[in-house]
Amino acid sequence: MPIRSLIKETISLQGFRVDSIERCSFGISIKIVPDRRYRPRCGK
């Protein structure tokens, strides 16, 4: 299973998408950015 798919399944943040994944000396660095398809809604 590709790393990107695994991360999408484990980090289910609606309104965000995985932009990049990099291997670092201490582990994995994941950059998530807001997804333009979703608009934030007020909770009230």
PDB file of N, CA and C in Angstrom:
ATOM      1  N   MET A   1       0.853  -1.172   0.000  1.00  0.00           N
ATOM      2  CA  MET A   1       0.000   0.000   0.000  1.00  0.00           C
ATOM      3  C   MET A   1       0.900   1.237   0.000  1.00  0.00           C
ATOM      4  N   PRO A   2       0.668   2.167  -0.916  1.00  0.00           N
ATOM      5  CA  PRO A   2       1.472   3.389  -0.946  1.00  0.00           C
ATOM      6  C   PRO A   2       1.317   4.210   0.341  1.00  0.00           C
ATOM      7  N   ILE A   3       2.361   4.901   0.699  1.00  0.00           N
ATOM      8  CA  ILE A   3       2.367   5.698   1.926  1.00  0.00           C
ATOM      9  C   ILE A   3       1.264   6.746   1.904  1.00  0.00           C
ATOM     10  N   ARG A   4       1.053   7.417   0.771  1.00  0.00           N
ATOM     11  CA  ARG A   4       0.036   8.470   0.681  1.00  0.00           C
ATOM     12  C   ARG A   4      -1.354   7.916   0.996  1.00  0.00           C
ATOM     13  N   SER A   5      -1.678   6.740   0.506  1.00  0.00           N
ATOM     14  CA  SER A   5      -2.977   6.119   0.780  1.00  0.00           C
ATOM     15  C   SER A   5      -3.113   5.762   2.251  1.00  0.00           C
ATOM     16  N   LEU A   6      -2.046   5.253   2.830  1.00  0.00           N
ATOM     17  CA  LEU A   6      -2.056   4.897   4.242  1.00  0.00           C
ATOM     18  C   LEU A   6      -2.282   6.122   5.115  1.00  0.00           C
ATOM     19  N   ILE A   7      -1.630   7.219   4.785  1.00  0.00           N
ATOM     20  CA  ILE A   7      -1.786   8.450   5.557  1.00  0.00           C
ATOM     21  C   ILE A   7      -3.195   9.007   5.414  1.00  0.00           C
ATOM     22  N   LYS A   8      -3.759   8.967   4.216  1.00  0.00           N
ATOM     23  CA  LYS A   8      -5.128   9.455   4.001  1.00  0.00           C
ATOM     24  C   LYS A   8      -6.130   8.665   4.841  1.00  0.00           C
ATOM     25  N   GLU A   9      -5.919   7.376   4.979  1.00  0.00           N
ATOM     26  CA  GLU A   9      -6.837   6.551   5.753  1.00  0.00           C
ATOM     27  C   GLU A   9      -6.689   6.776   7.253  1.00  0.00           C
ATOM     28  N   THR A  10      -5.483   7.014   7.724  1.00  0.00           N
ATOM     29  CA  THR A  10      -5.271   7.173   9.163  1.00  0.00           C
ATOM     30  C   THR A  10      -5.531   8.596   9.647  1.00  0.00           C
ATOM     31  N   ILE A  11      -5.254   9.589   8.819  1.00  0.00           N
ATOM     32  CA  ILE A  11      -5.491  10.988   9.185  1.00  0.00           C
ATOM     33  C   ILE A  11      -6.687  11.475   8.384  1.00  0.00           C
ATOM     34  N   SER A  12      -7.863  11.225   8.891  1.00  0.00           N
ATOM     35  CA  SER A  12      -9.065  11.596   8.143  1.00  0.00           C
ATOM     36  C   SER A  12      -9.522  12.990   8.569  1.00  0.00           C
ATOM     37  N   LEU A  13      -8.893  14.007   8.033  1.00  0.00           N
ATOM     38  CA  LEU A  13      -9.257  15.384   8.302  1.00  0.00           C
ATOM     39  C   LEU A  13     -10.049  15.915   7.120  1.00  0.00           C
ATOM     40  N   GLN A  14     -11.323  16.165   7.329  1.00  0.00           N
ATOM     41  CA  GLN A  14     -12.133  16.673   6.233  1.00  0.00           C
ATOM     42  C   GLN A  14     -11.761  18.122   5.977  1.00  0.00           C
ATOM     43  N   GLY A  15     -11.602  18.473   4.721  1.00  0.00           N
ATOM     44  CA  GLY A  15     -11.244  19.837   4.363  1.00  0.00           C
ATOM     45  C   GLY A  15      -9.758  20.038   4.168  1.00  0.00           C
ATOM     46  N   PHE A  16      -8.975  18.977   4.331  1.00  0.00           N
ATOM     47  CA  PHE A  16      -7.536  19.065   4.133  1.00  0.00           C
ATOM     48  C   PHE A  16      -7.096  17.957   3.186  1.00  0.00           C
ATOM     49  N   ARG A  17      -5.948  18.168   2.546  1.00  0.00           N
ATOM     50  CA  ARG A  17      -5.384  17.138   1.677  1.00  0.00           C
ATOM     51  C   ARG A  17      -3.881  17.033   1.940  1.00  0.00           C
ATOM     52  N   VAL A  18      -3.323  15.887   1.623  1.00  0.00           N
ATOM     53  CA  VAL A  18      -1.891  15.651   1.796  1.00  0.00           C
ATOM     54  C   VAL A  18      -1.178  16.274   0.602  1.00  0.00           C
ATOM     55  N   ASP A  19      -0.305  17.231   0.865  1.00  0.00           N
ATOM     56  CA  ASP A  19       0.409  17.927  -0.207  1.00  0.00           C
ATOM     57  C   ASP A  19       1.713  17.231  -0.547  1.00  0.00           C
ATOM     58  N   SER A  20       2.500  16.926   0.475  1.00  0.00           N
ATOM     59  CA  SER A  20       3.773  16.270   0.208  1.00  0.00           C
ATOM     60  C   SER A  20       4.172  15.395   1.389  1.00  0.00           C
ATOM     61  N   ILE A  21       4.961  14.391   1.074  1.00  0.00           N
ATOM     62  CA  ILE A  21       5.503  13.472   2.079  1.00  0.00           C
ATOM     63  C   ILE A  21       6.993  13.365   1.826  1.00  0.00           C
ATOM     64  N   GLU A  22       7.782  13.616   2.863  1.00  0.00           N
ATOM     65  CA  GLU A  22       9.237  13.550   2.730  1.00  0.00           C
ATOM     66  C   GLU A  22       9.820  12.673   3.828  1.00  0.00           C
ATOM     67  N   ARG A  23      10.858  11.991   3.484  1.00  0.00           N
ATOM     68  CA  ARG A  23      11.578  11.178   4.460  1.00  0.00           C
ATOM     69  C   ARG A  23      12.663  12.042   5.090  1.00  0.00           C
ATOM     70  N   CYS A  24      12.669  12.102   6.402  1.00  0.00           N
ATOM     71  CA  CYS A  24      13.660  12.886   7.145  1.00  0.00           C
ATOM     72  C   CYS A  24      14.543  11.945   7.946  1.00  0.00           C
ATOM     73  N   SER A  25      15.570  12.489   8.552  1.00  0.00           N
ATOM     74  CA  SER A  25      16.468  11.667   9.355  1.00  0.00           C
ATOM     75  C   SER A  25      15.782  11.133  10.612  1.00  0.00           C
ATOM     76  N   PHE A  26      14.745  11.828  11.082  1.00  0.00           N
ATOM     77  CA  PHE A  26      14.058  11.420  12.304  1.00  0.00           C
ATOM     78  C   PHE A  26      12.730  10.713  12.031  1.00  0.00           C
ATOM     79  N   GLY A  27      12.305  10.618  10.776  1.00  0.00           N
ATOM     80  CA  GLY A  27      11.038   9.949  10.459  1.00  0.00           C
ATOM     81  C   GLY A  27      10.458  10.440   9.150  1.00  0.00           C
ATOM     82  N   ILE A  28       9.157  10.686   9.149  1.00  0.00           N
ATOM     83  CA  ILE A  28       8.449  11.139   7.961  1.00  0.00           C
ATOM     84  C   ILE A  28       7.851  12.510   8.225  1.00  0.00           C
ATOM     85  N   SER A  29       7.981  13.400   7.272  1.00  0.00           N
ATOM     86  CA  SER A  29       7.399  14.740   7.362  1.00  0.00           C
ATOM     87  C   SER A  29       6.245  14.818   6.369  1.00  0.00           C
ATOM     88  N   ILE A  30       5.060  15.165   6.881  1.00  0.00           N
ATOM     89  CA  ILE A  30       3.865  15.234   6.053  1.00  0.00           C
ATOM     90  C   ILE A  30       3.349  16.660   6.060  1.00  0.00           C
ATOM     91  N   LYS A  31       3.125  17.213   4.880  1.00  0.00           N
ATOM     92  CA  LYS A  31       2.575  18.561   4.769  1.00  0.00           C
ATOM     93  C   LYS A  31       1.131  18.454   4.311  1.00  0.00           C
ATOM     94  N   ILE A  32       0.203  18.982   5.133  1.00  0.00           N
ATOM     95  CA  ILE A  32      -1.197  18.997   4.744  1.00  0.00           C
ATOM     96  C   ILE A  32      -1.608  20.444   4.496  1.00  0.00           C
ATOM     97  N   VAL A  33      -2.466  20.634   3.512  1.00  0.00           N
ATOM     98  CA  VAL A  33      -2.935  21.972   3.137  1.00  0.00           C
ATOM     99  C   VAL A  33      -4.454  21.942   3.040  1.00  0.00           C
ATOM    100  N   PRO A  34      -5.104  23.104   3.188  1.00  0.00           N
ATOM    101  CA  PRO A  34      -6.561  23.147   3.047  1.00  0.00           C
ATOM    102  C   PRO A  34      -6.993  22.752   1.638  1.00  0.00           C
ATOM    103  N   ASP A  35      -8.063  22.024   1.566  1.00  0.00           N
ATOM    104  CA  ASP A  35      -8.619  21.617   0.273  1.00  0.00           C
ATOM    105  C   ASP A  35      -9.594  22.698  -0.173  1.00  0.00           C
ATOM    106  N   ARG A  36      -9.414  23.214  -1.356  1.00  0.00           N
ATOM    107  CA  ARG A  36     -10.229  24.318  -1.861  1.00  0.00           C
ATOM    108  C   ARG A  36     -11.678  23.903  -2.141  1.00  0.00           C
ATOM    109  N   ARG A  37     -11.934  22.594  -2.229  1.00  0.00           N
ATOM    110  CA  ARG A  37     -13.302  22.146  -2.502  1.00  0.00           C
ATOM    111  C   ARG A  37     -14.217  22.314  -1.296  1.00  0.00           C
ATOM    112  N   TYR A  38     -13.658  22.393  -0.100  1.00  0.00           N
ATOM    113  CA  TYR A  38     -14.459  22.514   1.117  1.00  0.00           C
ATOM    114  C   TYR A  38     -14.362  23.935   1.653  1.00  0.00           C
ATOM    115  N   ARG A  39     -15.492  24.451   2.079  1.00  0.00           N
ATOM    116  CA  ARG A  39     -15.506  25.769   2.714  1.00  0.00           C
ATOM    117  C   ARG A  39     -15.776  25.578   4.192  1.00  0.00           C
ATOM    118  N   PRO A  40     -15.069  26.311   5.035  1.00  0.00           N
ATOM    119  CA  PRO A  40     -15.339  26.201   6.471  1.00  0.00           C
ATOM    120  C   PRO A  40     -16.739  26.708   6.801  1.00  0.00           C
ATOM    121  N   ARG A  41     -17.400  26.024   7.721  1.00  0.00           N
ATOM    122  CA  ARG A  41     -18.746  26.435   8.138  1.00  0.00           C
ATOM    123  C   ARG A  41     -18.705  26.863   9.584  1.00  0.00           C
ATOM    124  N   CYS A  42     -19.553  27.812   9.902  1.00  0.00           N
ATOM    125  CA  CYS A  42     -19.673  28.292  11.269  1.00  0.00           C
ATOM    126  C   CYS A  42     -20.453  27.241  12.075  1.00  0.00           C
ATOM    127  N   GLY A  43     -20.040  27.010  13.280  1.00  0.00           N
ATOM    128  CA  GLY A  43     -20.707  26.017  14.129  1.00  0.00           C
ATOM    129  C   GLY A  43     -22.013  26.510  14.737  1.00  0.00           C
ATOM    130  N   LYS A  44     -22.317  27.786  14.577  1.00  0.00           N
ATOM    131  CA  LYS A  44     -23.545  28.339  15.174  1.00  0.00           C
ATOM    132  C   LYS A  44     -24.643  28.470  14.160  1.00  0.00           C
TER     133      LYS A  44
END
